[in-house]
Amino acid sequence: MRVVCVWRRESDYGRAVEEWLSEFERRTGREVEDLNPDTKDGESFCRAYDVVEYPTILALGDDGAVLASWRGTMLPLFDEVSYWL
């Protein structure tokens, strides 16, 4: 499984997401992939998973299916995300 966070660093919520990702890794020892929607890879990922709101965190199964998602500036609890890793 993999967990991906799609967000823009230069945005109103950028600092909050950056701190959340850093604190998540520090507390759990696991890393959430981060993806910029303005890159070529990010754009194709957003199109494939219909991501239109940032930040968005997706938990993906080994087959690429979306198992859980969190959208918007209300970031999930670490326990909710670490379950999928």
PDB file of N, CA and C in Angstrom:
ATOM      1  N   MET A   1       0.829  -1.178   0.000  1.00  0.00           N
ATOM      2  CA  MET A   1       0.000   0.000   0.000  1.00  0.00           C
ATOM      3  C   MET A   1       0.874   1.242   0.000  1.00  0.00           C
ATOM      4  N   ARG A   2       0.276   2.318  -0.463  1.00  0.00           N
ATOM      5  CA  ARG A   2       0.994   3.581  -0.450  1.00  0.00           C
ATOM      6  C   ARG A   2       0.031   4.700  -0.109  1.00  0.00           C
ATOM      7  N   VAL A   3       0.566   5.730   0.501  1.00  0.00           N
ATOM      8  CA  VAL A   3      -0.222   6.907   0.845  1.00  0.00           C
ATOM      9  C   VAL A   3       0.434   8.105   0.176  1.00  0.00           C
ATOM     10  N   VAL A   4      -0.367   8.879  -0.547  1.00  0.00           N
ATOM     11  CA  VAL A   4       0.131  10.018  -1.311  1.00  0.00           C
ATOM     12  C   VAL A   4      -0.599  11.275  -0.871  1.00  0.00           C
ATOM     13  N   CYS A   5       0.169  12.340  -0.664  1.00  0.00           N
ATOM     14  CA  CYS A   5      -0.401  13.646  -0.334  1.00  0.00           C
ATOM     15  C   CYS A   5      -0.161  14.568  -1.528  1.00  0.00           C
ATOM     16  N   VAL A   6      -1.231  15.070  -2.121  1.00  0.00           N
ATOM     17  CA  VAL A   6      -1.135  15.981  -3.256  1.00  0.00           C
ATOM     18  C   VAL A   6      -1.375  17.387  -2.724  1.00  0.00           C
ATOM     19  N   TRP A   7      -0.371  18.260  -2.885  1.00  0.00           N
ATOM     20  CA  TRP A   7      -0.477  19.614  -2.347  1.00  0.00           C
ATOM     21  C   TRP A   7       0.491  20.554  -3.047  1.00  0.00           C
ATOM     22  N   ARG A   8       0.236  21.840  -2.878  1.00  0.00           N
ATOM     23  CA  ARG A   8       1.110  22.874  -3.434  1.00  0.00           C
ATOM     24  C   ARG A   8       1.872  23.539  -2.290  1.00  0.00           C
ATOM     25  N   ARG A   9       3.169  23.555  -2.416  1.00  0.00           N
ATOM     26  CA  ARG A   9       4.025  24.132  -1.380  1.00  0.00           C
ATOM     27  C   ARG A   9       3.774  25.637  -1.223  1.00  0.00           C
ATOM     28  N   GLU A  10       3.604  26.332  -2.317  1.00  0.00           N
ATOM     29  CA  GLU A  10       3.387  27.786  -2.290  1.00  0.00           C
ATOM     30  C   GLU A  10       1.898  28.088  -2.258  1.00  0.00           C
ATOM     31  N   SER A  11       1.284  27.840  -1.120  1.00  0.00           N
ATOM     32  CA  SER A  11      -0.151  28.072  -0.976  1.00  0.00           C
ATOM     33  C   SER A  11      -0.450  28.491   0.456  1.00  0.00           C
ATOM     34  N   ASP A  12      -1.690  28.835   0.714  1.00  0.00           N
ATOM     35  CA  ASP A  12      -2.097  29.248   2.055  1.00  0.00           C
ATOM     36  C   ASP A  12      -1.930  28.118   3.067  1.00  0.00           C
ATOM     37  N   TYR A  13      -2.143  26.901   2.637  1.00  0.00           N
ATOM     38  CA  TYR A  13      -2.082  25.748   3.531  1.00  0.00           C
ATOM     39  C   TYR A  13      -0.724  25.051   3.493  1.00  0.00           C
ATOM     40  N   GLY A  14       0.201  25.517   2.664  1.00  0.00           N
ATOM     41  CA  GLY A  14       1.483  24.848   2.439  1.00  0.00           C
ATOM     42  C   GLY A  14       2.280  24.560   3.696  1.00  0.00           C
ATOM     43  N   ARG A  15       2.382  25.562   4.560  1.00  0.00           N
ATOM     44  CA  ARG A  15       3.168  25.366   5.785  1.00  0.00           C
ATOM     45  C   ARG A  15       2.531  24.326   6.697  1.00  0.00           C
ATOM     46  N   ALA A  16       1.209  24.353   6.815  1.00  0.00           N
ATOM     47  CA  ALA A  16       0.514  23.388   7.675  1.00  0.00           C
ATOM     48  C   ALA A  16       0.728  21.965   7.171  1.00  0.00           C
ATOM     49  N   VAL A  17       0.656  21.760   5.864  1.00  0.00           N
ATOM     50  CA  VAL A  17       0.850  20.419   5.295  1.00  0.00           C
ATOM     51  C   VAL A  17       2.293  19.974   5.469  1.00  0.00           C
ATOM     52  N   GLU A  18       3.228  20.882   5.230  1.00  0.00           N
ATOM     53  CA  GLU A  18       4.638  20.548   5.391  1.00  0.00           C
ATOM     54  C   GLU A  18       4.937  20.126   6.828  1.00  0.00           C
ATOM     55  N   GLU A  19       4.388  20.846   7.803  1.00  0.00           N
ATOM     56  CA  GLU A  19       4.572  20.489   9.213  1.00  0.00           C
ATOM     57  C   GLU A  19       3.891  19.162   9.535  1.00  0.00           C
ATOM     58  N   TRP A  20       2.707  18.917   8.963  1.00  0.00           N
ATOM     59  CA  TRP A  20       1.995  17.663   9.204  1.00  0.00           C
ATOM     60  C   TRP A  20       2.814  16.484   8.678  1.00  0.00           C
ATOM     61  N   LEU A  21       3.337  16.605   7.452  1.00  0.00           N
ATOM     62  CA  LEU A  21       4.135  15.531   6.863  1.00  0.00           C
ATOM     63  C   LEU A  21       5.399  15.256   7.679  1.00  0.00           C
ATOM     64  N   SER A  22       6.053  16.319   8.103  1.00  0.00           N
ATOM     65  CA  SER A  22       7.271  16.180   8.892  1.00  0.00           C
ATOM     66  C   SER A  22       6.981  15.526  10.239  1.00  0.00           C
ATOM     67  N   GLU A  23       5.937  15.973  10.912  1.00  0.00           N
ATOM     68  CA  GLU A  23       5.573  15.420  12.216  1.00  0.00           C
ATOM     69  C   GLU A  23       5.097  13.972  12.086  1.00  0.00           C
ATOM     70  N   PHE A  24       4.384  13.663  11.013  1.00  0.00           N
ATOM     71  CA  PHE A  24       3.934  12.284  10.779  1.00  0.00           C
ATOM     72  C   PHE A  24       5.133  11.350  10.670  1.00  0.00           C
ATOM     73  N   GLU A  25       6.125  11.755   9.876  1.00  0.00           N
ATOM     74  CA  GLU A  25       7.311  10.922   9.702  1.00  0.00           C
ATOM     75  C   GLU A  25       8.080  10.792  11.017  1.00  0.00           C
ATOM     76  N   ARG A  26       8.183  11.870  11.777  1.00  0.00           N
ATOM     77  CA  ARG A  26       8.909  11.829  13.047  1.00  0.00           C
ATOM     78  C   ARG A  26       8.224  10.908  14.050  1.00  0.00           C
ATOM     79  N   ARG A  27       6.903  10.975  14.132  1.00  0.00           N
ATOM     80  CA  ARG A  27       6.176  10.181  15.132  1.00  0.00           C
ATOM     81  C   ARG A  27       6.010   8.715  14.750  1.00  0.00           C
ATOM     82  N   THR A  28       5.821   8.441  13.466  1.00  0.00           N
ATOM     83  CA  THR A  28       5.520   7.071  13.042  1.00  0.00           C
ATOM     84  C   THR A  28       6.715   6.345  12.439  1.00  0.00           C
ATOM     85  N   GLY A  29       7.712   7.096  11.979  1.00  0.00           N
ATOM     86  CA  GLY A  29       8.845   6.475  11.304  1.00  0.00           C
ATOM     87  C   GLY A  29       8.516   6.058   9.884  1.00  0.00           C
ATOM     88  N   ARG A  30       7.360   6.459   9.403  1.00  0.00           N
ATOM     89  CA  ARG A  30       6.922   6.129   8.041  1.00  0.00           C
ATOM     90  C   ARG A  30       6.751   7.413   7.249  1.00  0.00           C
ATOM     91  N   GLU A  31       6.840   7.280   5.946  1.00  0.00           N
ATOM     92  CA  GLU A  31       6.808   8.459   5.093  1.00  0.00           C
ATOM     93  C   GLU A  31       5.587   8.438   4.171  1.00  0.00           C
ATOM     94  N   VAL A  32       4.951   9.587   4.057  1.00  0.00           N
ATOM     95  CA  VAL A  32       3.855   9.781   3.111  1.00  0.00           C
ATOM     96  C   VAL A  32       4.460  10.432   1.876  1.00  0.00           C
ATOM     97  N   GLU A  33       4.211   9.857   0.714  1.00  0.00           N
ATOM     98  CA  GLU A  33       4.707  10.460  -0.521  1.00  0.00           C
ATOM     99  C   GLU A  33       4.023  11.804  -0.718  1.00  0.00           C
ATOM    100  N   ASP A  34       4.788  12.789  -1.177  1.00  0.00           N
ATOM    101  CA  ASP A  34       4.141  14.055  -1.498  1.00  0.00           C
ATOM    102  C   ASP A  34       4.287  14.319  -2.986  1.00  0.00           C
ATOM    103  N   LEU A  35       3.277  14.956  -3.545  1.00  0.00           N
ATOM    104  CA  LEU A  35       3.201  15.148  -4.982  1.00  0.00           C
ATOM    105  C   LEU A  35       2.663  16.532  -5.275  1.00  0.00           C
ATOM    106  N   ASN A  36       3.344  17.244  -6.153  1.00  0.00           N
ATOM    107  CA  ASN A  36       2.912  18.568  -6.573  1.00  0.00           C
ATOM    108  C   ASN A  36       2.015  18.418  -7.794  1.00  0.00           C
ATOM    109  N   PRO A  37       0.786  18.941  -7.752  1.00  0.00           N
ATOM    110  CA  PRO A  37      -0.124  18.771  -8.882  1.00  0.00           C
ATOM    111  C   PRO A  37       0.276  19.569 -10.124  1.00  0.00           C
ATOM    112  N   ASP A  38       1.260  20.454  -9.983  1.00  0.00           N
ATOM    113  CA  ASP A  38       1.690  21.269 -11.117  1.00  0.00           C
ATOM    114  C   ASP A  38       2.798  20.629 -11.936  1.00  0.00           C
ATOM    115  N   THR A  39       3.304  19.480 -11.504  1.00  0.00           N
ATOM    116  CA  THR A  39       4.313  18.764 -12.273  1.00  0.00           C
ATOM    117  C   THR A  39       3.619  17.827 -13.266  1.00  0.00           C
ATOM    118  N   LYS A  40       4.375  17.313 -14.200  1.00  0.00           N
ATOM    119  CA  LYS A  40       3.814  16.398 -15.192  1.00  0.00           C
ATOM    120  C   LYS A  40       3.253  15.134 -14.530  1.00  0.00           C
ATOM    121  N   ASP A  41       4.038  14.537 -13.616  1.00  0.00           N
ATOM    122  CA  ASP A  41       3.579  13.346 -12.893  1.00  0.00           C
ATOM    123  C   ASP A  41       2.373  13.669 -12.015  1.00  0.00           C
ATOM    124  N   GLY A  42       2.430  14.808 -11.353  1.00  0.00           N
ATOM    125  CA  GLY A  42       1.336  15.215 -10.486  1.00  0.00           C
ATOM    126  C   GLY A  42       0.049  15.449 -11.246  1.00  0.00           C
ATOM    127  N   GLU A  43       0.170  16.059 -12.399  1.00  0.00           N
ATOM    128  CA  GLU A  43      -1.013  16.327 -13.230  1.00  0.00           C
ATOM    129  C   GLU A  43      -1.670  15.029 -13.687  1.00  0.00           C
ATOM    130  N   SER A  44      -0.876  14.069 -14.122  1.00  0.00           N
ATOM    131  CA  SER A  44      -1.452  12.799 -14.576  1.00  0.00           C
ATOM    132  C   SER A  44      -2.043  12.011 -13.400  1.00  0.00           C
ATOM    133  N   PHE A  45      -1.407  12.084 -12.236  1.00  0.00           N
ATOM    134  CA  PHE A  45      -1.938  11.423 -11.034  1.00  0.00           C
ATOM    135  C   PHE A  45      -3.287  12.029 -10.662  1.00  0.00           C
ATOM    136  N   CYS A  46      -3.366  13.356 -10.667  1.00  0.00           N
ATOM    137  CA  CYS A  46      -4.621  14.042 -10.318  1.00  0.00           C
ATOM    138  C   CYS A  46      -5.727  13.699 -11.308  1.00  0.00           C
ATOM    139  N   ARG A  47      -5.374  13.610 -12.563  1.00  0.00           N
ATOM    140  CA  ARG A  47      -6.370  13.257 -13.575  1.00  0.00           C
ATOM    141  C   ARG A  47      -6.853  11.815 -13.374  1.00  0.00           C
ATOM    142  N   ALA A  48      -5.938  10.918 -13.080  1.00  0.00           N
ATOM    143  CA  ALA A  48      -6.287   9.503 -12.905  1.00  0.00           C
ATOM    144  C   ALA A  48      -7.165   9.275 -11.679  1.00  0.00           C
ATOM    145  N   TYR A  49      -6.903  10.023 -10.603  1.00  0.00           N
ATOM    146  CA  TYR A  49      -7.641   9.819  -9.354  1.00  0.00           C
ATOM    147  C   TYR A  49      -8.661  10.923  -9.076  1.00  0.00           C
ATOM    148  N   ASP A  50      -8.904  11.781 -10.058  1.00  0.00           N
ATOM    149  CA  ASP A  50      -9.908  12.836  -9.950  1.00  0.00           C
ATOM    150  C   ASP A  50      -9.676  13.724  -8.722  1.00  0.00           C
ATOM    151  N   VAL A  51      -8.440  14.148  -8.545  1.00  0.00           N
ATOM    152  CA  VAL A  51      -8.094  15.034  -7.438  1.00  0.00           C
ATOM    153  C   VAL A  51      -8.256  16.475  -7.916  1.00  0.00           C
ATOM    154  N   VAL A  52      -9.162  17.212  -7.288  1.00  0.00           N
ATOM    155  CA  VAL A  52      -9.415  18.600  -7.679  1.00  0.00           C
ATOM    156  C   VAL A  52      -9.327  19.563  -6.492  1.00  0.00           C
ATOM    157  N   GLU A  53      -9.117  19.029  -5.301  1.00  0.00           N
ATOM    158  CA  GLU A  53      -9.021  19.852  -4.100  1.00  0.00           C
ATOM    159  C   GLU A  53      -7.698  19.548  -3.417  1.00  0.00           C
ATOM    160  N   TYR A  54      -7.038  20.601  -2.940  1.00  0.00           N
ATOM    161  CA  TYR A  54      -5.730  20.430  -2.314  1.00  0.00           C
ATOM    162  C   TYR A  54      -5.768  21.020  -0.919  1.00  0.00           C
ATOM    163  N   PRO A  55      -5.142  20.403   0.043  1.00  0.00           N
ATOM    164  CA  PRO A  55      -4.434  19.133  -0.059  1.00  0.00           C
ATOM    165  C   PRO A  55      -5.398  17.948  -0.076  1.00  0.00           C
ATOM    166  N   THR A  56      -4.964  16.881  -0.716  1.00  0.00           N
ATOM    167  CA  THR A  56      -5.688  15.619  -0.731  1.00  0.00           C
ATOM    168  C   THR A  56      -4.714  14.513  -0.364  1.00  0.00           C
ATOM    169  N   ILE A  57      -5.131  13.649   0.531  1.00  0.00           N
ATOM    170  CA  ILE A  57      -4.323  12.493   0.910  1.00  0.00           C
ATOM    171  C   ILE A  57      -5.098  11.254   0.498  1.00  0.00           C
ATOM    172  N   LEU A  58      -4.440  10.375  -0.274  1.00  0.00           N
ATOM    173  CA  LEU A  58      -5.067   9.153  -0.755  1.00  0.00           C
ATOM    174  C   LEU A  58      -4.297   7.932  -0.250  1.00  0.00           C
ATOM    175  N   ALA A  59      -5.010   6.951   0.262  1.00  0.00           N
ATOM    176  CA  ALA A  59      -4.431   5.649   0.598  1.00  0.00           C
ATOM    177  C   ALA A  59      -4.771   4.729  -0.564  1.00  0.00           C
ATOM    178  N   LEU A  60      -3.746   4.193  -1.204  1.00  0.00           N
ATOM    179  CA  LEU A  60      -3.927   3.369  -2.398  1.00  0.00           C
ATOM    180  C   LEU A  60      -3.507   1.931  -2.129  1.00  0.00           C
ATOM    181  N   GLY A  61      -4.301   0.996  -2.619  1.00  0.00           N
ATOM    182  CA  GLY A  61      -3.964  -0.415  -2.512  1.00  0.00           C
ATOM    183  C   GLY A  61      -2.886  -0.783  -3.507  1.00  0.00           C
ATOM    184  N   ASP A  62      -2.413  -2.000  -3.436  1.00  0.00           N
ATOM    185  CA  ASP A  62      -1.375  -2.472  -4.349  1.00  0.00           C
ATOM    186  C   ASP A  62      -1.836  -2.448  -5.800  1.00  0.00           C
ATOM    187  N   ASP A  63      -3.149  -2.565  -6.018  1.00  0.00           N
ATOM    188  CA  ASP A  63      -3.697  -2.523  -7.376  1.00  0.00           C
ATOM    189  C   ASP A  63      -4.034  -1.108  -7.827  1.00  0.00           C
ATOM    190  N   GLY A  64      -3.759  -0.098  -6.980  1.00  0.00           N
ATOM    191  CA  GLY A  64      -4.020   1.293  -7.338  1.00  0.00           C
ATOM    192  C   GLY A  64      -5.400   1.788  -6.944  1.00  0.00           C
ATOM    193  N   ALA A  65      -6.207   0.943  -6.330  1.00  0.00           N
ATOM    194  CA  ALA A  65      -7.554   1.346  -5.909  1.00  0.00           C
ATOM    195  C   ALA A  65      -7.467   2.271  -4.698  1.00  0.00           C
ATOM    196  N   VAL A  66      -8.354   3.258  -4.659  1.00  0.00           N
ATOM    197  CA  VAL A  66      -8.405   4.176  -3.527  1.00  0.00           C
ATOM    198  C   VAL A  66      -9.104   3.484  -2.360  1.00  0.00           C
ATOM    199  N   LEU A  67      -8.395   3.345  -1.252  1.00  0.00           N
ATOM    200  CA  LEU A  67      -8.927   2.689  -0.067  1.00  0.00           C
ATOM    201  C   LEU A  67      -9.477   3.700   0.932  1.00  0.00           C
ATOM    202  N   ALA A  68      -8.874   4.882   0.967  1.00  0.00           N
ATOM    203  CA  ALA A  68      -9.331   5.946   1.861  1.00  0.00           C
ATOM    204  C   ALA A  68      -8.846   7.271   1.288  1.00  0.00           C
ATOM    205  N   SER A  69      -9.565   8.342   1.594  1.00  0.00           N
ATOM    206  CA  SER A  69      -9.138   9.662   1.126  1.00  0.00           C
ATOM    207  C   SER A  69      -9.537  10.726   2.133  1.00  0.00           C
ATOM    208  N   TRP A  70      -8.737  11.766   2.175  1.00  0.00           N
ATOM    209  CA  TRP A  70      -8.991  12.930   3.003  1.00  0.00           C
ATOM    210  C   TRP A  70      -8.747  14.143   2.126  1.00  0.00           C
ATOM    211  N   ARG A  71      -9.705  15.049   2.091  1.00  0.00           N
ATOM    212  CA  ARG A  71      -9.603  16.225   1.223  1.00  0.00           C
ATOM    213  C   ARG A  71      -9.799  17.486   2.029  1.00  0.00           C
ATOM    214  N   GLY A  72      -9.060  18.514   1.656  1.00  0.00           N
ATOM    215  CA  GLY A  72      -9.217  19.806   2.298  1.00  0.00           C
ATOM    216  C   GLY A  72      -8.221  20.042   3.419  1.00  0.00           C
ATOM    217  N   THR A  73      -8.347  21.196   4.035  1.00  0.00           N
ATOM    218  CA  THR A  73      -7.355  21.627   5.013  1.00  0.00           C
ATOM    219  C   THR A  73      -7.502  20.982   6.382  1.00  0.00           C
ATOM    220  N   MET A  74      -8.586  20.248   6.621  1.00  0.00           N
ATOM    221  CA  MET A  74      -8.713  19.495   7.876  1.00  0.00           C
ATOM    222  C   MET A  74      -7.925  18.194   7.713  1.00  0.00           C
ATOM    223  N   LEU A  75      -6.659  18.238   8.081  1.00  0.00           N
ATOM    224  CA  LEU A  75      -5.784  17.081   7.898  1.00  0.00           C
ATOM    225  C   LEU A  75      -6.162  15.969   8.867  1.00  0.00           C
ATOM    226  N   PRO A  76      -6.012  14.720   8.442  1.00  0.00           N
ATOM    227  CA  PRO A  76      -6.429  13.585   9.281  1.00  0.00           C
ATOM    228  C   PRO A  76      -5.494  13.372  10.468  1.00  0.00           C
ATOM    229  N   LEU A  77      -5.950  12.569  11.412  1.00  0.00           N
ATOM    230  CA  LEU A  77      -5.112  12.158  12.528  1.00  0.00           C
ATOM    231  C   LEU A  77      -4.034  11.204  12.015  1.00  0.00           C
ATOM    232  N   PHE A  78      -2.911  11.197  12.689  1.00  0.00           N
ATOM    233  CA  PHE A  78      -1.809  10.321  12.269  1.00  0.00           C
ATOM    234  C   PHE A  78      -2.223   8.858  12.291  1.00  0.00           C
ATOM    235  N   ASP A  79      -3.012   8.459  13.280  1.00  0.00           N
ATOM    236  CA  ASP A  79      -3.457   7.068  13.385  1.00  0.00           C
ATOM    237  C   ASP A  79      -4.299   6.655  12.186  1.00  0.00           C
ATOM    238  N   GLU A  80      -5.131   7.577  11.682  1.00  0.00           N
ATOM    239  CA  GLU A  80      -5.977   7.260  10.532  1.00  0.00           C
ATOM    240  C   GLU A  80      -5.135   6.956   9.297  1.00  0.00           C
ATOM    241  N   VAL A  81      -4.045   7.677   9.134  1.00  0.00           N
ATOM    242  CA  VAL A  81      -3.199   7.496   7.956  1.00  0.00           C
ATOM    243  C   VAL A  81      -2.223   6.329   8.150  1.00  0.00           C
ATOM    244  N   SER A  82      -1.634   6.218   9.329  1.00  0.00           N
ATOM    245  CA  SER A  82      -0.639   5.164   9.541  1.00  0.00           C
ATOM    246  C   SER A  82      -1.255   3.774   9.429  1.00  0.00           C
ATOM    247  N   TYR A  83      -2.545   3.660   9.659  1.00  0.00           N
ATOM    248  CA  TYR A  83      -3.234   2.370   9.489  1.00  0.00           C
ATOM    249  C   TYR A  83      -3.030   1.823   8.073  1.00  0.00           C
ATOM    250  N   TRP A  84      -3.011   2.713   7.095  1.00  0.00           N
ATOM    251  CA  TRP A  84      -2.894   2.293   5.692  1.00  0.00           C
ATOM    252  C   TRP A  84      -1.463   2.036   5.255  1.00  0.00           C
ATOM    253  N   LEU A  85      -0.507   2.370   6.098  1.00  0.00           N
ATOM    254  CA  LEU A  85       0.890   2.100   5.762  1.00  0.00           C
ATOM    255  C   LEU A  85       1.292   0.828   6.456  1.00  0.00           C
TER     256      LEU A  85
END
